[in-house]
């Protein structure tokens, strides 16, 4: 997938599994904010936007750089719309939403299996 940011074409590739450890090491503060927005509606998340941006920008830029190969210095020069475009492209290219839904479904199935197994054992 290719997107254009500041008149520059950027290719967003699928992140290979071998790069996930480095990607995840760059995440420091962001999980706290992800927990805060979990289950909230879009309006609430948008209202938290400034707080998230103020506190998570280094994490976000590091993640985007690792995910795209674009330097952190260059990403720090992007505008807010550019960052959002980059985020959407990374999420869409890597099918994160679909993967999370499959994980949730798989975990839910496993929990149901355990409940059924425990009932049968009793």
Protein backbone atom coordinates (compact mmCIF):
# COMPACT_ATOMS: atom_id res chain seq x y z
CA UNK A 1 0.00 0.00 0.00
CA UNK A 2 1.34 3.43 -0.91
CA UNK A 3 0.30 6.71 0.66
CA UNK A 4 1.38 10.26 0.01
CA UNK A 5 2.52 12.43 2.89
CA UNK A 6 3.97 15.90 2.38
CA UNK A 7 4.34 15.26 -1.35
CA UNK A 8 6.37 12.11 -0.66
CA UNK A 9 5.15 8.63 -1.53
CA UNK A 10 5.57 6.16 1.31
CA UNK A 11 5.13 2.43 0.88
CA UNK A 12 3.49 0.75 3.84
CA UNK A 13 4.43 -2.91 3.95
CA UNK A 14 3.15 -5.72 6.10
CA UNK A 15 5.28 -5.89 9.22
CA UNK A 16 7.01 -9.30 9.39
CA UNK A 17 6.73 -11.17 12.67
CA UNK A 18 10.52 -10.97 13.15
CA UNK A 19 10.23 -7.16 13.54
CA UNK A 20 7.53 -7.26 16.24
CA UNK A 21 9.98 -7.62 19.17
CA UNK A 22 11.76 -4.39 18.17
CA UNK A 23 8.42 -2.71 17.55
CA UNK A 24 7.05 -3.73 20.93
CA UNK A 25 10.24 -2.65 22.74
CA UNK A 26 9.56 0.89 21.57
CA UNK A 27 6.22 1.00 23.34
CA UNK A 28 6.51 2.49 26.82
CA UNK A 29 3.63 4.75 27.84
CA UNK A 30 1.14 3.87 25.12
CA UNK A 31 -0.37 0.76 26.80
CA UNK A 32 -1.63 2.89 29.70
CA UNK A 33 -3.49 5.09 27.25
CA UNK A 34 -4.81 2.16 25.27
CA UNK A 35 -6.33 0.84 28.49
CA UNK A 36 -7.90 4.25 29.15
CA UNK A 37 -9.60 4.33 25.74
CA UNK A 38 -10.60 0.66 25.68
CA UNK A 39 -14.37 0.36 25.47
CA UNK A 40 -14.93 4.10 25.05
CA UNK A 41 -16.92 5.56 22.21
CA UNK A 42 -15.28 7.58 19.43
CA UNK A 43 -16.31 10.93 20.92
CA UNK A 44 -14.61 10.12 24.22
CA UNK A 45 -11.49 8.93 22.44
CA UNK A 46 -11.36 12.12 20.37
CA UNK A 47 -11.64 14.20 23.54
CA UNK A 48 -8.64 12.34 24.94
CA UNK A 49 -6.66 13.04 21.75
CA UNK A 50 -4.68 16.01 23.06
CA UNK A 51 -3.65 14.15 26.23
CA UNK A 52 -2.62 11.11 24.22
CA UNK A 53 -0.65 13.20 21.74
CA UNK A 54 1.09 15.18 24.49
CA UNK A 55 2.15 12.10 26.44
CA UNK A 56 2.57 9.42 23.79
CA UNK A 57 4.18 11.23 20.86
CA UNK A 58 7.65 9.68 21.36
CA UNK A 59 6.13 6.17 21.54
CA UNK A 60 3.90 6.81 18.55
CA UNK A 61 6.71 8.20 16.41
CA UNK A 62 9.04 5.32 17.35
CA UNK A 63 6.35 2.78 16.48
CA UNK A 64 5.53 4.46 13.18
CA UNK A 65 9.21 4.67 12.29
CA UNK A 66 9.78 0.98 13.08
CA UNK A 67 6.64 0.00 11.17
CA UNK A 68 7.40 2.05 8.06
CA UNK A 69 11.15 2.52 7.85
CA UNK A 70 10.66 6.31 7.79
CA UNK A 71 13.07 8.05 10.17
CA UNK A 72 11.75 9.35 13.49
CA UNK A 73 13.11 12.82 12.63
CA UNK A 74 11.03 12.87 9.45
CA UNK A 75 7.87 11.66 11.21
CA UNK A 76 8.29 14.35 13.90
CA UNK A 77 7.91 16.88 11.07
CA UNK A 78 4.53 15.48 9.96
CA UNK A 79 1.29 17.21 10.78
CA UNK A 80 -1.53 15.60 12.76
CA UNK A 81 -3.45 14.61 9.62
CA UNK A 82 -0.28 13.03 8.24
CA UNK A 83 0.15 10.96 11.41
CA UNK A 84 -3.46 9.84 11.27
CA UNK A 85 -3.09 8.89 7.60
CA UNK A 86 0.06 6.94 8.45
CA UNK A 87 -1.65 5.19 11.37
CA UNK A 88 -4.65 4.19 9.27
CA UNK A 89 -2.40 2.86 6.51
CA UNK A 90 -0.32 0.79 8.97
CA UNK A 91 -3.46 -0.66 10.59
CA UNK A 92 -5.11 -1.44 7.24
CA UNK A 93 -2.00 -2.95 5.64
CA UNK A 94 -1.30 -5.16 8.64
CA UNK A 95 -4.94 -6.07 9.18
CA UNK A 96 -4.64 -5.45 12.93
CA UNK A 97 -8.37 -5.12 13.49
CA UNK A 98 -9.09 -8.46 11.81
CA UNK A 99 -6.28 -10.13 13.75
CA UNK A 100 -7.60 -8.79 17.07
CA UNK A 101 -11.11 -9.99 16.29
CA UNK A 102 -9.77 -13.47 15.52
CA UNK A 103 -7.79 -13.48 18.76
CA UNK A 104 -10.84 -12.43 20.76
CA UNK A 105 -12.91 -15.12 19.08
CA UNK A 106 -10.23 -17.72 19.71
CA UNK A 107 -9.85 -16.77 23.37
CA UNK A 108 -13.61 -16.70 23.87
CA UNK A 109 -13.84 -20.18 22.35
CA UNK A 110 -11.06 -21.44 24.63
CA UNK A 111 -12.77 -19.96 27.71
CA UNK A 112 -16.02 -21.70 26.72
CA UNK A 113 -14.17 -25.00 26.24
CA UNK A 114 -12.65 -24.66 29.71
CA UNK A 115 -16.02 -23.87 31.27
CA UNK A 116 -17.60 -26.90 29.57
CA UNK A 117 -14.67 -29.11 30.59
CA UNK A 118 -14.87 -27.89 34.21
CA UNK A 119 -18.63 -28.53 34.35
CA UNK A 120 -18.18 -32.06 33.03
CA UNK A 121 -15.44 -32.76 35.61
CA UNK A 122 -17.68 -31.70 38.50
